[in-house]
Amino acid sequence: MQTRSDDLTILLAVVDNGGFSAAADMLDIQVARVSRAVSKIEKQLGVSILNRTTRRLELTDEGQQFIHSVRQGLLQLQQAEEDLVSRGDLPKGRLRVDAASPFIFHQLIPLIKGFSEAYPDIQLELTSNEGIVDLLEKKTDVAIRIGRLVDSTLHARPLGRSLLHIVAAPKYLSTQGVPQTTAQLADHQLLGLSGAKSLNQWPLKGFNCIQPNIVSSNGESVRQLAIAGNGIACLSAFMVKKDIEAGLLIPLLADQKQVSHDCEQINAVYYKSSTIARRISAFIDYIQPKLSL
């Protein structure tokens, strides 16, 4: 007993869009067809995949496991088809790359034109997420991740290390003073990231997480806040190296920094079983020597 892949694609659209009508709009098909596809799958499997209420749809326990397997299966099927097309002198097909927006702005965008000229048959799709994404759920082929890796199911290619700098704008320091010790940071306006506490662990000896006065979910926003004189921030060199060279930001407490820190690691990650390895390798091999970390 088999379920057609187009019915499974419709089911995924229902789950991802939160309803039958939204899935129909996204796929540009009739709602009745969506309903038939879902009912057909449930009948063939003999279990309920969705709990339907008047307000929303929810996956059953069986449905959650099934959807996870469907994502993997459809992705492998799609990638296998694309891999056949891409056989030849140069890799071909779509490559979905995800990274935090500061890395895209400061590192990837300056390299895209050259990459596209070198690999004209790769259709590059850039997405920006500030947190760690599920590669399957977000349909991502390769993600640039900053920090220590914990997911052993992913294959990682190290791209290098980007030192963390404690920085502030000259105009902020001229009015608020220059901290000489980590303890003096308590007397300053600190800029940080919202979310997990680990995001605000600065690489200072004997120093715990800061309590930021202003937070943002986006590292580029923190950079702009710092340049505008709003306080002291901890940012990666790949974002602020040029700002420091231009005198827009001043590095602080350099003699009190840890030698190395987990957040300085940068890796490209993807699933070990990926069938689009040629596109991934082409992308990583191209960008790695050109990154300014």
Protein backbone atom coordinates (compact mmCIF):
# COMPACT_ATOMS: atom_id res chain seq x y z
CA MET A 1 0.00 0.00 0.00
CA GLN A 2 1.52 3.29 -1.09
CA THR A 3 0.62 6.96 -0.74
CA ARG A 4 1.31 9.24 -3.68
CA SER A 5 3.93 11.91 -3.10
CA ASP A 6 1.66 14.72 -4.29
CA ASP A 7 -0.86 13.81 -1.56
CA LEU A 8 1.95 13.91 0.99
CA THR A 9 3.01 17.32 -0.32
CA ILE A 10 -0.54 18.55 0.22
CA LEU A 11 -0.55 17.14 3.76
CA LEU A 12 2.70 18.97 4.56
CA ALA A 13 1.20 22.20 3.22
CA VAL A 14 -1.77 21.76 5.57
CA VAL A 15 0.53 21.27 8.55
CA ASP A 16 2.89 24.12 7.64
CA ASN A 17 0.13 26.59 6.83
CA GLY A 18 -2.19 25.69 9.69
CA GLY A 19 -5.30 24.76 7.76
CA PHE A 20 -6.95 23.40 4.63
CA SER A 21 -7.85 26.77 3.10
CA ALA A 22 -4.39 28.23 3.66
CA ALA A 23 -2.81 25.13 2.11
CA ALA A 24 -5.14 25.37 -0.89
CA ASP A 25 -4.22 29.03 -1.40
CA MET A 26 -0.51 28.28 -1.17
CA LEU A 27 -0.73 25.37 -3.62
CA ASP A 28 -3.32 27.11 -5.82
CA ILE A 29 -5.73 24.18 -5.71
CA GLN A 30 -9.29 23.69 -4.48
CA VAL A 31 -9.95 23.12 -0.78
CA ALA A 32 -11.88 19.98 -1.68
CA ARG A 33 -8.77 18.47 -3.21
CA VAL A 34 -6.81 19.21 -0.05
CA SER A 35 -9.47 17.55 2.07
CA ARG A 36 -9.57 14.48 -0.18
CA ALA A 37 -5.79 14.09 -0.08
CA VAL A 38 -5.65 14.19 3.72
CA SER A 39 -8.61 11.82 4.10
CA LYS A 40 -7.06 9.43 1.59
CA ILE A 41 -3.78 9.29 3.52
CA GLU A 42 -5.54 8.73 6.85
CA LYS A 43 -7.70 5.99 5.35
CA GLN A 44 -4.71 4.22 3.84
CA LEU A 45 -2.75 4.40 7.09
CA GLY A 46 -5.68 3.55 9.30
CA VAL A 47 -4.86 6.31 11.81
CA SER A 48 -5.81 9.93 12.38
CA ILE A 49 -3.03 12.34 11.52
CA LEU A 50 -4.83 15.56 12.35
CA ASN A 51 -7.14 16.56 15.18
CA ARG A 52 -9.65 18.95 13.65
CA THR A 53 -11.40 21.60 15.74
CA THR A 54 -13.38 24.65 14.74
CA ARG A 55 -10.43 26.89 15.63
CA ARG A 56 -7.31 25.02 14.55
CA LEU A 57 -5.64 21.82 13.43
CA GLU A 58 -3.26 19.84 15.59
CA LEU A 59 -1.12 16.83 14.80
CA THR A 60 -1.86 13.63 16.68
CA ASP A 61 1.05 11.80 18.31
CA GLU A 62 1.09 9.40 15.36
CA GLY A 63 0.85 12.34 12.99
CA GLN A 64 3.90 14.09 14.43
CA GLN A 65 6.13 11.09 13.81
CA PHE A 66 4.64 10.52 10.38
CA ILE A 67 5.13 14.14 9.31
CA HIS A 68 8.77 14.03 10.39
CA SER A 69 9.33 10.92 8.25
CA VAL A 70 7.43 12.45 5.33
CA ARG A 71 9.65 15.54 5.39
CA GLN A 72 12.76 13.40 5.24
CA GLY A 73 11.37 11.16 2.52
CA LEU A 74 10.13 13.92 0.23
CA LEU A 75 13.34 15.89 0.68
CA GLN A 76 15.44 12.87 -0.25
CA LEU A 77 13.24 12.22 -3.28
CA GLN A 78 13.51 15.83 -4.42
CA GLN A 79 17.25 15.90 -3.87
CA ALA A 80 17.72 12.62 -5.72
CA GLU A 81 15.85 14.05 -8.72
CA GLU A 82 17.87 17.27 -8.59
CA ASP A 83 21.11 15.32 -8.30
CA LEU A 84 20.37 13.51 -11.55
CA VAL A 85 19.80 16.83 -13.27
CA SER A 86 23.00 18.27 -11.81
CA ARG A 87 25.30 15.55 -13.20
CA GLY A 88 27.76 17.18 -15.57
CA ASP A 89 30.74 19.48 -15.52
CA LEU A 90 29.27 21.91 -12.97
CA PRO A 91 26.71 21.38 -10.17
CA LYS A 92 23.17 22.41 -11.05
CA GLY A 93 19.93 22.99 -9.18
CA ARG A 94 18.69 24.85 -6.13
CA LEU A 95 20.82 25.40 -3.04
CA ARG A 96 19.12 26.74 0.09
CA VAL A 97 21.52 28.46 2.51
CA ASP A 98 20.52 29.72 5.95
CA ALA A 99 22.52 31.98 8.27
CA ALA A 100 22.03 34.68 10.85
CA SER A 101 21.37 38.00 9.12
CA PRO A 102 24.69 39.65 10.20
CA PHE A 103 26.64 36.82 8.58
CA ILE A 104 24.61 37.16 5.40
CA PHE A 105 25.04 40.97 5.32
CA HIS A 106 28.75 41.13 6.14
CA GLN A 107 30.13 37.87 4.76
CA LEU A 108 27.92 36.14 2.20
CA ILE A 109 26.40 38.96 0.17
CA PRO A 110 29.81 40.32 -0.95
CA LEU A 111 30.62 36.83 -2.31
CA ILE A 112 27.34 35.98 -4.06
CA LYS A 113 28.08 37.69 -7.37
CA GLY A 114 31.35 35.81 -7.78
CA PHE A 115 29.78 32.51 -6.74
CA SER A 116 26.93 32.94 -9.22
CA GLU A 117 29.40 33.67 -12.00
CA ALA A 118 31.45 30.59 -11.09
CA TYR A 119 28.35 28.34 -10.80
CA PRO A 120 25.68 29.89 -13.05
CA ASP A 121 23.44 26.81 -12.91
CA ILE A 122 23.05 26.83 -9.12
CA GLN A 123 19.94 28.72 -8.03
CA LEU A 124 20.91 30.13 -4.66
CA GLU A 125 18.25 30.81 -2.04
CA LEU A 126 19.33 32.73 1.08
CA THR A 127 17.24 32.70 4.25
CA SER A 128 17.94 34.48 7.49
CA ASN A 129 17.12 33.08 10.92
CA GLU A 130 18.61 34.39 14.13
CA GLY A 131 18.22 31.07 15.96
CA ILE A 132 19.12 27.48 15.11
CA VAL A 133 16.79 26.12 12.45
CA ASP A 134 15.64 22.58 11.75
CA LEU A 135 17.16 21.95 8.33
CA LEU A 136 14.40 19.56 7.27
CA GLU A 137 11.51 21.65 8.51
CA LYS A 138 12.85 24.83 6.92
CA LYS A 139 13.89 22.99 3.74
CA THR A 140 17.47 24.15 4.20
CA ASP A 141 20.39 22.44 2.47
CA VAL A 142 23.26 24.05 4.36
CA ALA A 143 23.29 26.35 7.38
CA ILE A 144 26.04 28.57 8.74
CA ARG A 145 26.08 28.16 12.50
CA ILE A 146 27.98 30.23 15.01
CA GLY A 147 28.97 28.53 18.25
CA ARG A 148 29.54 25.01 19.52
CA LEU A 149 27.66 22.27 17.67
CA VAL A 150 25.56 19.76 19.61
CA ASP A 151 23.61 17.96 16.86
CA SER A 152 25.56 14.79 15.99
CA THR A 153 23.23 13.97 13.06
CA LEU A 154 24.69 16.85 11.07
CA HIS A 155 27.90 16.92 9.09
CA ALA A 156 30.02 19.99 9.79
CA ARG A 157 32.67 21.79 7.76
CA PRO A 158 34.62 24.27 9.92
CA LEU A 159 34.82 27.70 8.32
CA GLY A 160 37.08 29.21 10.95
CA ARG A 161 36.90 31.27 14.12
CA SER A 162 35.75 34.85 14.49
CA LEU A 163 37.04 36.57 17.61
CA LEU A 164 34.56 38.28 19.90
CA HIS A 165 35.17 41.95 20.67
CA ILE A 166 33.77 44.08 23.48
CA VAL A 167 33.14 47.39 21.73
CA ALA A 168 31.58 50.82 22.10
CA ALA A 169 31.43 53.98 20.01
CA PRO A 170 33.84 56.85 20.76
CA LYS A 171 30.95 59.20 21.51
CA TYR A 172 29.58 56.81 24.13
CA LEU A 173 32.98 56.41 25.80
CA SER A 174 33.62 60.16 25.75
CA THR A 175 30.53 60.80 27.87
CA GLN A 176 30.33 57.62 29.97
CA GLY A 177 33.99 56.80 30.41
CA VAL A 178 36.10 53.77 29.46
CA PRO A 179 35.68 50.68 31.69
CA GLN A 180 39.05 49.37 32.86
CA THR A 181 37.77 46.19 34.57
CA THR A 182 34.91 43.78 34.03
CA ALA A 183 33.40 44.90 37.34
CA GLN A 184 33.01 48.42 35.95
CA LEU A 185 30.67 47.14 33.24
CA ALA A 186 27.94 47.23 35.89
CA ASP A 187 28.08 51.02 35.67
CA HIS A 188 27.51 51.07 31.91
CA GLN A 189 24.69 50.68 29.42
CA LEU A 190 25.02 47.17 27.99
CA LEU A 191 23.61 45.96 24.68
CA GLY A 192 22.64 42.30 24.30
CA LEU A 193 20.60 39.68 22.52
CA SER A 194 17.15 38.44 23.45
CA GLY A 195 16.53 34.73 23.86
CA ALA A 196 18.81 32.20 25.52
CA LYS A 197 21.07 33.44 28.31
CA SER A 198 24.06 31.87 26.56
CA LEU A 199 23.77 34.56 23.89
CA ASN A 200 24.89 37.10 26.49
CA GLN A 201 27.88 35.21 27.85
CA TRP A 202 30.73 37.56 27.11
CA PRO A 203 34.27 36.09 26.79
CA LEU A 204 35.68 37.79 29.88
CA LYS A 205 37.63 35.99 32.59
CA GLY A 206 35.54 35.28 35.68
CA PHE A 207 32.51 36.94 34.15
CA ASN A 208 29.00 35.50 33.94
CA CYS A 209 26.12 36.48 31.69
CA ILE A 210 25.46 40.18 31.42
CA GLN A 211 22.09 41.75 32.15
CA PRO A 212 21.63 43.96 29.08
CA ASN A 213 19.84 47.29 29.32
CA ILE A 214 18.77 47.11 25.65
CA VAL A 215 18.18 43.82 23.82
CA SER A 216 17.49 42.82 20.24
CA SER A 217 16.87 39.50 18.53
CA ASN A 218 19.19 40.55 15.73
CA GLY A 219 22.97 40.95 15.96
CA GLU A 220 23.03 43.58 13.23
CA SER A 221 20.64 45.71 15.29
CA VAL A 222 23.01 45.43 18.26
CA ARG A 223 25.85 46.56 16.01
CA GLN A 224 23.89 49.58 14.82
CA LEU A 225 22.91 50.44 18.40
CA ALA A 226 26.56 50.33 19.43
CA ILE A 227 27.72 52.51 16.52
CA ALA A 228 24.98 55.01 17.38
CA GLY A 229 26.41 55.36 20.89
CA ASN A 230 23.79 53.47 22.87
CA GLY A 231 26.18 51.37 24.94
CA ILE A 232 28.73 48.57 25.06
CA ALA A 233 28.25 45.38 23.02
CA CYS A 234 29.97 42.06 22.42
CA LEU A 235 30.12 41.31 18.68
CA SER A 236 31.97 38.99 16.33
CA ALA A 237 34.92 40.27 14.33
CA PHE A 238 33.17 39.30 11.09
CA MET A 239 30.67 42.06 11.87
CA VAL A 240 32.84 44.78 13.41
CA LYS A 241 36.38 44.35 12.04
CA LYS A 242 35.86 47.17 9.51
CA ASP A 243 34.11 49.33 12.13
CA ILE A 244 37.13 49.00 14.45
CA GLU A 245 39.54 49.81 11.60
CA ALA A 246 37.45 52.87 10.70
CA GLY A 247 37.29 54.06 14.30
CA LEU A 248 33.50 53.70 14.49
CA LEU A 249 33.89 51.24 17.39
CA ILE A 250 36.62 50.97 20.02
CA PRO A 251 37.64 47.54 21.42
CA LEU A 252 37.58 47.33 25.22
CA LEU A 253 39.00 45.05 27.94
CA ALA A 254 41.20 43.18 25.47
CA ASP A 255 43.60 42.10 28.23
CA GLN A 256 40.77 40.48 30.19
CA LYS A 257 39.27 38.35 27.43
CA GLN A 258 39.31 34.56 27.41
CA VAL A 259 41.74 33.01 24.95
CA SER A 260 38.95 31.14 23.15
CA HIS A 261 35.20 30.94 23.41
CA ASP A 262 32.55 28.56 22.03
CA CYS A 263 30.76 31.42 20.29
CA GLU A 264 33.82 32.08 18.12
CA GLN A 265 33.42 28.81 16.19
CA ILE A 266 31.76 29.02 12.77
CA ASN A 267 30.68 25.92 10.85
CA ALA A 268 28.72 25.03 7.75
CA VAL A 269 26.38 22.17 8.61
CA TYR A 270 24.22 19.81 6.55
CA TYR A 271 22.86 16.29 6.76
CA LYS A 272 25.45 13.58 6.26
CA SER A 273 23.16 11.73 3.87
CA SER A 274 22.56 14.78 1.70
CA THR A 275 22.32 13.94 -1.99
CA ILE A 276 23.24 17.46 -3.05
CA ALA A 277 26.78 17.22 -1.74
CA ARG A 278 28.28 18.58 -4.98
CA ARG A 279 26.37 21.85 -4.65
CA ILE A 280 27.16 22.11 -0.95
CA SER A 281 30.85 21.41 -1.51
CA ALA A 282 30.98 23.93 -4.34
CA PHE A 283 29.46 26.61 -2.12
CA ILE A 284 31.63 25.95 0.93
CA ASP A 285 34.82 25.55 -1.11
CA TYR A 286 34.11 28.88 -2.78
CA ILE A 287 33.27 30.98 0.29
CA GLN A 288 35.67 29.56 2.89
CA PRO A 289 38.94 31.12 1.63
CA LYS A 290 37.18 34.41 0.92
CA LEU A 291 35.52 34.94 4.31
CA SER A 292 36.81 37.78 6.45
CA LEU A 293 36.34 36.36 9.94
